[in-house]
Amino acid sequence: WGASLPYLVAVDSSTDLQADHYEVTLTLSSAQVHAAPE
């Protein structure tokens, strides 16, 4: 959000790595993005 608040800092939340749907992959074809993919 561009504003630093002293209590909204990065902290460990490594238990999240075991969450349901932690990792999700979106697939887009090159036709969907209309450009030279490289």
PDB file of all heavy atoms in Angstrom:
ATOM      1  N   TRP A   1       0.793  -1.221   0.000  1.00  0.00           N
ATOM      2  CA  TRP A   1       0.000   0.000   0.000  1.00  0.00           C
ATOM      3  C   TRP A   1       0.827   1.272   0.000  1.00  0.00           C
ATOM      4  O   TRP A   1       0.280   2.369   0.018  1.00  0.00           O
ATOM      5  CB  TRP A   1      -0.957  -0.003   1.202  1.00  0.00           C
ATOM      6  CG  TRP A   1      -1.916  -1.149   1.148  1.00  0.00           C
ATOM      7  CD1 TRP A   1      -2.646  -1.549   0.073  1.00  0.00           C
ATOM      8  CD2 TRP A   1      -2.235  -2.051   2.197  1.00  0.00           C
ATOM      9  NE1 TRP A   1      -3.400  -2.642   0.390  1.00  0.00           N
ATOM     10  CE2 TRP A   1      -3.167  -2.983   1.693  1.00  0.00           C
ATOM     11  CE3 TRP A   1      -1.829  -2.179   3.516  1.00  0.00           C
ATOM     12  CZ2 TRP A   1      -3.705  -4.002   2.455  1.00  0.00           C
ATOM     13  CZ3 TRP A   1      -2.365  -3.204   4.268  1.00  0.00           C
ATOM     14  CH2 TRP A   1      -3.292  -4.099   3.748  1.00  0.00           C
ATOM     15  N   GLY A   2       2.151   1.168   0.011  1.00  0.00           N
ATOM     16  CA  GLY A   2       3.009   2.337  -0.064  1.00  0.00           C
ATOM     17  C   GLY A   2       3.221   3.066   1.251  1.00  0.00           C
ATOM     18  O   GLY A   2       3.999   4.009   1.304  1.00  0.00           O
ATOM     19  N   ALA A   3       2.545   2.677   2.308  1.00  0.00           N
ATOM     20  CA  ALA A   3       2.694   3.328   3.619  1.00  0.00           C
ATOM     21  C   ALA A   3       3.226   2.308   4.621  1.00  0.00           C
ATOM     22  O   ALA A   3       2.704   1.204   4.724  1.00  0.00           O
ATOM     23  CB  ALA A   3       1.354   3.871   4.100  1.00  0.00           C
ATOM     24  N   SER A   4       4.257   2.708   5.340  1.00  0.00           N
ATOM     25  CA  SER A   4       4.872   1.822   6.320  1.00  0.00           C
ATOM     26  C   SER A   4       4.206   2.008   7.678  1.00  0.00           C
ATOM     27  O   SER A   4       4.163   3.107   8.212  1.00  0.00           O
ATOM     28  CB  SER A   4       6.364   2.152   6.434  1.00  0.00           C
ATOM     29  OG  SER A   4       6.947   1.375   7.449  1.00  0.00           O
ATOM     30  N   LEU A   5       3.652   0.917   8.199  1.00  0.00           N
ATOM     31  CA  LEU A   5       3.114   0.921   9.560  1.00  0.00           C
ATOM     32  C   LEU A   5       3.972  -0.030  10.385  1.00  0.00           C
ATOM     33  O   LEU A   5       4.230  -1.158   9.963  1.00  0.00           O
ATOM     34  CB  LEU A   5       1.651   0.469   9.570  1.00  0.00           C
ATOM     35  CG  LEU A   5       0.680   1.424   8.880  1.00  0.00           C
ATOM     36  CD1 LEU A   5      -0.705   0.798   8.749  1.00  0.00           C
ATOM     37  CD2 LEU A   5       0.589   2.729   9.659  1.00  0.00           C
ATOM     38  N   PRO A   6       4.427   0.402  11.564  1.00  0.00           N
ATOM     39  CA  PRO A   6       5.402  -0.383  12.327  1.00  0.00           C
ATOM     40  C   PRO A   6       4.895  -1.745  12.790  1.00  0.00           C
ATOM     41  O   PRO A   6       5.689  -2.617  13.116  1.00  0.00           O
ATOM     42  CB  PRO A   6       5.741   0.509  13.518  1.00  0.00           C
ATOM     43  CG  PRO A   6       4.650   1.507  13.592  1.00  0.00           C
ATOM     44  CD  PRO A   6       4.092   1.657  12.221  1.00  0.00           C
ATOM     45  N   TYR A   7       3.606  -1.949  12.803  1.00  0.00           N
ATOM     46  CA  TYR A   7       3.055  -3.238  13.235  1.00  0.00           C
ATOM     47  C   TYR A   7       2.575  -4.087  12.056  1.00  0.00           C
ATOM     48  O   TYR A   7       2.099  -5.201  12.252  1.00  0.00           O
ATOM     49  CB  TYR A   7       1.915  -3.041  14.249  1.00  0.00           C
ATOM     50  CG  TYR A   7       0.813  -2.135  13.747  1.00  0.00           C
ATOM     51  CD1 TYR A   7      -0.253  -2.649  13.002  1.00  0.00           C
ATOM     52  CD2 TYR A   7       0.842  -0.782  14.003  1.00  0.00           C
ATOM     53  CE1 TYR A   7      -1.247  -1.821  12.528  1.00  0.00           C
ATOM     54  CE2 TYR A   7      -0.153   0.057  13.538  1.00  0.00           C
ATOM     55  CZ  TYR A   7      -1.196  -0.469  12.803  1.00  0.00           C
ATOM     56  OH  TYR A   7      -2.183   0.356  12.329  1.00  0.00           O
ATOM     57  N   LEU A   8       2.695  -3.584  10.837  1.00  0.00           N
ATOM     58  CA  LEU A   8       2.360  -4.365   9.641  1.00  0.00           C
ATOM     59  C   LEU A   8       3.655  -4.645   8.887  1.00  0.00           C
ATOM     60  O   LEU A   8       3.936  -4.071   7.835  1.00  0.00           O
ATOM     61  CB  LEU A   8       1.350  -3.621   8.761  1.00  0.00           C
ATOM     62  CG  LEU A   8      -0.059  -3.505   9.325  1.00  0.00           C
ATOM     63  CD1 LEU A   8      -0.957  -2.708   8.390  1.00  0.00           C
ATOM     64  CD2 LEU A   8      -0.656  -4.876   9.606  1.00  0.00           C
ATOM     65  N   VAL A   9       4.456  -5.518   9.488  1.00  0.00           N
ATOM     66  CA  VAL A   9       5.765  -5.886   8.964  1.00  0.00           C
ATOM     67  C   VAL A   9       5.755  -7.362   8.593  1.00  0.00           C
ATOM     68  O   VAL A   9       4.856  -8.107   8.978  1.00  0.00           O
ATOM     69  CB  VAL A   9       6.870  -5.598  10.004  1.00  0.00           C
ATOM     70  CG1 VAL A   9       6.974  -4.100  10.286  1.00  0.00           C
ATOM     71  CG2 VAL A   9       6.629  -6.372  11.288  1.00  0.00           C
ATOM     72  N   ALA A  10       6.772  -7.777   7.876  1.00  0.00           N
ATOM     73  CA  ALA A  10       6.880  -9.183   7.490  1.00  0.00           C
ATOM     74  C   ALA A  10       7.194 -10.046   8.704  1.00  0.00           C
ATOM     75  O   ALA A  10       8.088  -9.723   9.477  1.00  0.00           O
ATOM     76  CB  ALA A  10       7.976  -9.341   6.438  1.00  0.00           C
ATOM     77  N   VAL A  11       6.411 -11.114   8.883  1.00  0.00           N
ATOM     78  CA  VAL A  11       6.663 -12.087   9.950  1.00  0.00           C
ATOM     79  C   VAL A  11       6.540 -13.492   9.360  1.00  0.00           C
ATOM     80  O   VAL A  11       5.940 -13.697   8.312  1.00  0.00           O
ATOM     81  CB  VAL A  11       5.699 -11.926  11.160  1.00  0.00           C
ATOM     82  CG1 VAL A  11       5.841 -10.549  11.796  1.00  0.00           C
ATOM     83  CG2 VAL A  11       4.261 -12.210  10.774  1.00  0.00           C
ATOM     84  N   ASP A  12       7.112 -14.449  10.074  1.00  0.00           N
ATOM     85  CA  ASP A  12       7.041 -15.842   9.659  1.00  0.00           C
ATOM     86  C   ASP A  12       5.602 -16.339   9.720  1.00  0.00           C
ATOM     87  O   ASP A  12       4.875 -16.065  10.673  1.00  0.00           O
ATOM     88  CB  ASP A  12       7.911 -16.708  10.579  1.00  0.00           C
ATOM     89  CG  ASP A  12       7.789 -18.178  10.232  1.00  0.00           C
ATOM     90  OD1 ASP A  12       8.314 -18.576   9.174  1.00  0.00           O
ATOM     91  OD2 ASP A  12       7.138 -18.917  10.994  1.00  0.00           O
ATOM     92  N   SER A  13       5.194 -17.059   8.688  1.00  0.00           N
ATOM     93  CA  SER A  13       3.890 -17.727   8.671  1.00  0.00           C
ATOM     94  C   SER A  13       4.046 -19.039   7.905  1.00  0.00           C
ATOM     95  O   SER A  13       3.249 -19.374   7.030  1.00  0.00           O
ATOM     96  CB  SER A  13       2.829 -16.821   8.037  1.00  0.00           C
ATOM     97  OG  SER A  13       1.534 -17.324   8.298  1.00  0.00           O
ATOM     98  N   SER A  14       5.124 -19.758   8.224  1.00  0.00           N
ATOM     99  CA  SER A  14       5.492 -20.955   7.459  1.00  0.00           C
ATOM    100  C   SER A  14       4.468 -22.075   7.548  1.00  0.00           C
ATOM    101  O   SER A  14       4.470 -22.967   6.696  1.00  0.00           O
ATOM    102  CB  SER A  14       6.876 -21.449   7.877  1.00  0.00           C
ATOM    103  OG  SER A  14       6.937 -21.657   9.263  1.00  0.00           O
ATOM    104  N   THR A  15       3.559 -22.032   8.528  1.00  0.00           N
ATOM    105  CA  THR A  15       2.510 -23.047   8.557  1.00  0.00           C
ATOM    106  C   THR A  15       1.600 -22.940   7.337  1.00  0.00           C
ATOM    107  O   THR A  15       0.936 -23.906   6.975  1.00  0.00           O
ATOM    108  CB  THR A  15       1.665 -22.939   9.845  1.00  0.00           C
ATOM    109  OG1 THR A  15       1.146 -21.612   9.936  1.00  0.00           O
ATOM    110  CG2 THR A  15       2.493 -23.272  11.075  1.00  0.00           C
ATOM    111  N   ASP A  16       1.586 -21.782   6.683  1.00  0.00           N
ATOM    112  CA  ASP A  16       0.767 -21.604   5.487  1.00  0.00           C
ATOM    113  C   ASP A  16       1.198 -22.517   4.334  1.00  0.00           C
ATOM    114  O   ASP A  16       0.402 -22.797   3.437  1.00  0.00           O
ATOM    115  CB  ASP A  16       0.830 -20.149   5.002  1.00  0.00           C
ATOM    116  CG  ASP A  16       0.098 -19.192   5.920  1.00  0.00           C
ATOM    117  OD1 ASP A  16      -0.440 -19.633   6.948  1.00  0.00           O
ATOM    118  OD2 ASP A  16       0.076 -17.994   5.615  1.00  0.00           O
ATOM    119  N   LEU A  17       2.434 -22.962   4.354  1.00  0.00           N
ATOM    120  CA  LEU A  17       2.929 -23.823   3.273  1.00  0.00           C
ATOM    121  C   LEU A  17       2.156 -25.129   3.191  1.00  0.00           C
ATOM    122  O   LEU A  17       2.169 -25.800   2.153  1.00  0.00           O
ATOM    123  CB  LEU A  17       4.424 -24.111   3.454  1.00  0.00           C
ATOM    124  CG  LEU A  17       5.339 -22.885   3.509  1.00  0.00           C
ATOM    125  CD1 LEU A  17       6.778 -23.309   3.771  1.00  0.00           C
ATOM    126  CD2 LEU A  17       5.232 -22.062   2.239  1.00  0.00           C
ATOM    127  N   GLN A  18       1.447 -25.491   4.259  1.00  0.00           N
ATOM    128  CA  GLN A  18       0.649 -26.719   4.286  1.00  0.00           C
ATOM    129  C   GLN A  18      -0.827 -26.461   3.977  1.00  0.00           C
ATOM    130  O   GLN A  18      -1.639 -27.384   4.035  1.00  0.00           O
ATOM    131  CB  GLN A  18       0.772 -27.389   5.670  1.00  0.00           C
ATOM    132  CG  GLN A  18       2.196 -27.658   6.100  1.00  0.00           C
ATOM    133  CD  GLN A  18       2.996 -28.435   5.071  1.00  0.00           C
ATOM    134  OE1 GLN A  18       2.532 -29.452   4.564  1.00  0.00           O
ATOM    135  NE2 GLN A  18       4.177 -27.954   4.741  1.00  0.00           N
ATOM    136  N   ALA A  19      -1.185 -25.236   3.651  1.00  0.00           N
ATOM    137  CA  ALA A  19      -2.591 -24.881   3.426  1.00  0.00           C
ATOM    138  C   ALA A  19      -3.153 -25.550   2.174  1.00  0.00           C
ATOM    139  O   ALA A  19      -2.435 -25.756   1.187  1.00  0.00           O
ATOM    140  CB  ALA A  19      -2.726 -23.356   3.283  1.00  0.00           C
ATOM    141  N   ASP A  20      -4.432 -25.856   2.235  1.00  0.00           N
ATOM    142  CA  ASP A  20      -5.129 -26.331   1.042  1.00  0.00           C
ATOM    143  C   ASP A  20      -5.047 -25.231  -0.012  1.00  0.00           C
ATOM    144  O   ASP A  20      -5.244 -24.057   0.294  1.00  0.00           O
ATOM    145  CB  ASP A  20      -6.600 -26.619   1.355  1.00  0.00           C
ATOM    146  CG  ASP A  20      -6.776 -27.750   2.349  1.00  0.00           C
ATOM    147  OD1 ASP A  20      -5.881 -28.615   2.435  1.00  0.00           O
ATOM    148  OD2 ASP A  20      -7.808 -27.762   3.039  1.00  0.00           O
ATOM    149  N   HIS A  21      -4.750 -25.591  -1.227  1.00  0.00           N
ATOM    150  CA  HIS A  21      -4.679 -24.656  -2.363  1.00  0.00           C
ATOM    151  C   HIS A  21      -3.605 -23.587  -2.182  1.00  0.00           C
ATOM    152  O   HIS A  21      -3.727 -22.479  -2.691  1.00  0.00           O
ATOM    153  CB  HIS A  21      -6.034 -24.007  -2.627  1.00  0.00           C
ATOM    154  CG  HIS A  21      -7.148 -24.993  -2.723  1.00  0.00           C
ATOM    155  ND1 HIS A  21      -7.253 -25.894  -3.753  1.00  0.00           N
ATOM    156  CD2 HIS A  21      -8.176 -25.258  -1.880  1.00  0.00           C
ATOM    157  CE1 HIS A  21      -8.315 -26.662  -3.554  1.00  0.00           C
ATOM    158  NE2 HIS A  21      -8.888 -26.304  -2.420  1.00  0.00           N
ATOM    159  N   TYR A  22      -2.536 -23.918  -1.441  1.00  0.00           N
ATOM    160  CA  TYR A  22      -1.410 -22.994  -1.274  1.00  0.00           C
ATOM    161  C   TYR A  22      -0.811 -22.635  -2.635  1.00  0.00           C
ATOM    162  O   TYR A  22      -0.484 -21.491  -2.894  1.00  0.00           O
ATOM    163  CB  TYR A  22      -0.353 -23.629  -0.365  1.00  0.00           C
ATOM    164  CG  TYR A  22       1.007 -22.998  -0.470  1.00  0.00           C
ATOM    165  CD1 TYR A  22       1.266 -21.760   0.104  1.00  0.00           C
ATOM    166  CD2 TYR A  22       2.039 -23.623  -1.171  1.00  0.00           C
ATOM    167  CE1 TYR A  22       2.509 -21.166  -0.010  1.00  0.00           C
ATOM    168  CE2 TYR A  22       3.280 -23.037  -1.287  1.00  0.00           C
ATOM    169  CZ  TYR A  22       3.506 -21.808  -0.709  1.00  0.00           C
ATOM    170  OH  TYR A  22       4.740 -21.220  -0.834  1.00  0.00           O
ATOM    171  N   GLU A  23      -0.647 -23.634  -3.499  1.00  0.00           N
ATOM    172  CA  GLU A  23      -0.058 -23.408  -4.825  1.00  0.00           C
ATOM    173  C   GLU A  23      -1.114 -23.675  -5.892  1.00  0.00           C
ATOM    174  O   GLU A  23      -1.759 -24.717  -5.890  1.00  0.00           O
ATOM    175  CB  GLU A  23       1.138 -24.333  -5.024  1.00  0.00           C
ATOM    176  CG  GLU A  23       1.841 -24.114  -6.351  1.00  0.00           C
ATOM    177  CD  GLU A  23       3.085 -24.969  -6.479  1.00  0.00           C
ATOM    178  OE1 GLU A  23       4.118 -24.594  -5.911  1.00  0.00           O
ATOM    179  OE2 GLU A  23       3.006 -26.024  -7.146  1.00  0.00           O
ATOM    180  N   VAL A  24      -1.287 -22.704  -6.787  1.00  0.00           N
ATOM    181  CA  VAL A  24      -2.260 -22.804  -7.872  1.00  0.00           C
ATOM    182  C   VAL A  24      -1.588 -22.320  -9.147  1.00  0.00           C
ATOM    183  O   VAL A  24      -0.848 -21.337  -9.129  1.00  0.00           O
ATOM    184  CB  VAL A  24      -3.516 -21.948  -7.572  1.00  0.00           C
ATOM    185  CG1 VAL A  24      -4.466 -21.927  -8.750  1.00  0.00           C
ATOM    186  CG2 VAL A  24      -4.220 -22.460  -6.323  1.00  0.00           C
ATOM    187  N   THR A  25      -1.841 -23.000 -10.269  1.00  0.00           N
ATOM    188  CA  THR A  25      -1.251 -22.606 -11.540  1.00  0.00           C
ATOM    189  C   THR A  25      -2.337 -22.180 -12.521  1.00  0.00           C
ATOM    190  O   THR A  25      -3.310 -22.902 -12.740  1.00  0.00           O
ATOM    191  CB  THR A  25      -0.433 -23.762 -12.152  1.00  0.00           C
ATOM    192  OG1 THR A  25       0.611 -24.125 -11.245  1.00  0.00           O
ATOM    193  CG2 THR A  25       0.183 -23.366 -13.490  1.00  0.00           C
ATOM    194  N   LEU A  26      -2.159 -20.991 -13.102  1.00  0.00           N
ATOM    195  CA  LEU A  26      -3.020 -20.467 -14.154  1.00  0.00           C
ATOM    196  C   LEU A  26      -2.320 -20.729 -15.475  1.00  0.00           C
ATOM    197  O   LEU A  26      -1.123 -20.451 -15.605  1.00  0.00           O
ATOM    198  CB  LEU A  26      -3.227 -18.954 -13.960  1.00  0.00           C
ATOM    199  CG  LEU A  26      -3.876 -18.187 -15.104  1.00  0.00           C
ATOM    200  CD1 LEU A  26      -5.341 -18.579 -15.240  1.00  0.00           C
ATOM    201  CD2 LEU A  26      -3.747 -16.689 -14.863  1.00  0.00           C
ATOM    202  N   THR A  27      -3.034 -21.250 -16.476  1.00  0.00           N
ATOM    203  CA  THR A  27      -2.446 -21.538 -17.782  1.00  0.00           C
ATOM    204  C   THR A  27      -3.072 -20.619 -18.825  1.00  0.00           C
ATOM    205  O   THR A  27      -4.290 -20.525 -18.926  1.00  0.00           O
ATOM    206  CB  THR A  27      -2.700 -23.011 -18.169  1.00  0.00           C
ATOM    207  OG1 THR A  27      -2.187 -23.851 -17.142  1.00  0.00           O
ATOM    208  CG2 THR A  27      -2.032 -23.348 -19.492  1.00  0.00           C
ATOM    209  N   LEU A  28      -2.219 -19.915 -19.587  1.00  0.00           N
ATOM    210  CA  LEU A  28      -2.660 -19.037 -20.671  1.00  0.00           C
ATOM    211  C   LEU A  28      -1.972 -19.466 -21.959  1.00  0.00           C
ATOM    212  O   LEU A  28      -0.756 -19.630 -21.982  1.00  0.00           O
ATOM    213  CB  LEU A  28      -2.287 -17.580 -20.372  1.00  0.00           C
ATOM    214  CG  LEU A  28      -2.851 -16.959 -19.095  1.00  0.00           C
ATOM    215  CD1 LEU A  28      -2.211 -15.601 -18.859  1.00  0.00           C
ATOM    216  CD2 LEU A  28      -4.355 -16.833 -19.211  1.00  0.00           C
ATOM    217  N   SER A  29      -2.728 -19.627 -23.030  1.00  0.00           N
ATOM    218  CA  SER A  29      -2.115 -19.968 -24.314  1.00  0.00           C
ATOM    219  C   SER A  29      -1.471 -18.727 -24.906  1.00  0.00           C
ATOM    220  O   SER A  29      -1.817 -17.594 -24.552  1.00  0.00           O
ATOM    221  CB  SER A  29      -3.169 -20.514 -25.283  1.00  0.00           C
ATOM    222  OG  SER A  29      -4.033 -19.470 -25.689  1.00  0.00           O
ATOM    223  N   SER A  30      -0.529 -18.920 -25.833  1.00  0.00           N
ATOM    224  CA  SER A  30       0.108 -17.761 -26.468  1.00  0.00           C
ATOM    225  C   SER A  30      -0.923 -16.963 -27.259  1.00  0.00           C
ATOM    226  O   SER A  30      -0.801 -15.746 -27.394  1.00  0.00           O
ATOM    227  CB  SER A  30       1.287 -18.191 -27.340  1.00  0.00           C
ATOM    228  OG  SER A  30       0.877 -19.137 -28.290  1.00  0.00           O
ATOM    229  N   ALA A  31      -1.969 -17.600 -27.761  1.00  0.00           N
ATOM    230  CA  ALA A  31      -3.034 -16.874 -28.457  1.00  0.00           C
ATOM    231  C   ALA A  31      -3.767 -15.941 -27.487  1.00  0.00           C
ATOM    232  O   ALA A  31      -4.198 -14.856 -27.870  1.00  0.00           O
ATOM    233  CB  ALA A  31      -4.016 -17.850 -29.090  1.00  0.00           C
ATOM    234  N   GLN A  32      -3.887 -16.357 -26.238  1.00  0.00           N
ATOM    235  CA  GLN A  32      -4.558 -15.518 -25.246  1.00  0.00           C
ATOM    236  C   GLN A  32      -3.760 -14.267 -24.919  1.00  0.00           C
ATOM    237  O   GLN A  32      -4.340 -13.249 -24.559  1.00  0.00           O
ATOM    238  CB  GLN A  32      -4.814 -16.308 -23.956  1.00  0.00           C
ATOM    239  CG  GLN A  32      -5.925 -17.335 -24.077  1.00  0.00           C
ATOM    240  CD  GLN A  32      -6.021 -18.150 -22.818  1.00  0.00           C
ATOM    241  OE1 GLN A  32      -5.153 -18.943 -22.517  1.00  0.00           O
ATOM    242  NE2 GLN A  32      -7.097 -17.945 -22.082  1.00  0.00           N
ATOM    243  N   VAL A  33      -2.463 -14.327 -25.026  1.00  0.00           N
ATOM    244  CA  VAL A  33      -1.656 -13.160 -24.679  1.00  0.00           C
ATOM    245  C   VAL A  33      -1.219 -12.354 -25.895  1.00  0.00           C
ATOM    246  O   VAL A  33      -0.658 -11.282 -25.742  1.00  0.00           O
ATOM    247  CB  VAL A  33      -0.435 -13.554 -23.809  1.00  0.00           C
ATOM    248  CG1 VAL A  33      -0.884 -14.035 -22.460  1.00  0.00           C
ATOM    249  CG2 VAL A  33       0.427 -14.577 -24.488  1.00  0.00           C
ATOM    250  N   HIS A  34      -1.483 -12.830 -27.101  1.00  0.00           N
ATOM    251  CA  HIS A  34      -1.309 -12.079 -28.350  1.00  0.00           C
ATOM    252  C   HIS A  34       0.058 -11.428 -28.545  1.00  0.00           C
ATOM    253  O   HIS A  34       0.152 -10.268 -28.902  1.00  0.00           O
ATOM    254  CB  HIS A  34      -2.365 -10.977 -28.477  1.00  0.00           C
ATOM    255  CG  HIS A  34      -3.752 -11.422 -28.254  1.00  0.00           C
ATOM    256  ND1 HIS A  34      -4.412 -12.298 -29.073  1.00  0.00           N
ATOM    257  CD2 HIS A  34      -4.626 -11.130 -27.263  1.00  0.00           C
ATOM    258  CE1 HIS A  34      -5.627 -12.517 -28.612  1.00  0.00           C
ATOM    259  NE2 HIS A  34      -5.770 -11.825 -27.511  1.00  0.00           N
ATOM    260  N   ALA A  35       1.134 -12.112 -28.297  1.00  0.00           N
ATOM    261  CA  ALA A  35       2.461 -11.519 -28.501  1.00  0.00           C
ATOM    262  C   ALA A  35       3.514 -12.608 -28.613  1.00  0.00           C
ATOM    263  O   ALA A  35       3.235 -13.773 -28.374  1.00  0.00           O
ATOM    264  CB  ALA A  35       2.800 -10.590 -27.351  1.00  0.00           C
ATOM    265  N   ALA A  36       4.715 -12.187 -28.976  1.00  0.00           N
ATOM    266  CA  ALA A  36       5.837 -13.127 -29.022  1.00  0.00           C
ATOM    267  C   ALA A  36       6.153 -13.549 -27.595  1.00  0.00           C
ATOM    268  O   ALA A  36       6.614 -12.745 -26.796  1.00  0.00           O
ATOM    269  CB  ALA A  36       7.045 -12.463 -29.668  1.00  0.00           C
ATOM    270  N   PRO A  37       5.898 -14.782 -27.239  1.00  0.00           N
ATOM    271  CA  PRO A  37       5.978 -15.206 -25.841  1.00  0.00           C
ATOM    272  C   PRO A  37       7.343 -15.023 -25.198  1.00  0.00           C
ATOM    273  O   PRO A  37       7.425 -14.726 -24.011  1.00  0.00           O
ATOM    274  CB  PRO A  37       5.591 -16.674 -25.880  1.00  0.00           C
ATOM    275  CG  PRO A  37       5.584 -17.072 -27.292  1.00  0.00           C
ATOM    276  CD  PRO A  37       5.474 -15.848 -28.119  1.00  0.00           C
ATOM    277  N   GLU A  38       8.413 -15.142 -25.971  1.00  0.00           N
ATOM    278  CA  GLU A  38       9.748 -15.037 -25.392  1.00  0.00           C
ATOM    279  C   GLU A  38      10.031 -13.630 -24.863  1.00  0.00           C
ATOM    280  O   GLU A  38      10.915 -13.428 -24.051  1.00  0.00           O
ATOM    281  CB  GLU A  38      10.824 -15.411 -26.415  1.00  0.00           C
ATOM    282  CG  GLU A  38      10.703 -16.817 -26.980  1.00  0.00           C
ATOM    283  CD  GLU A  38       9.627 -16.942 -28.063  1.00  0.00           C
ATOM    284  OE1 GLU A  38       9.349 -15.969 -28.782  1.00  0.00           O
ATOM    285  OE2 GLU A  38       9.051 -18.038 -28.152  1.00  0.00           O
TER     286      GLU A  38
END
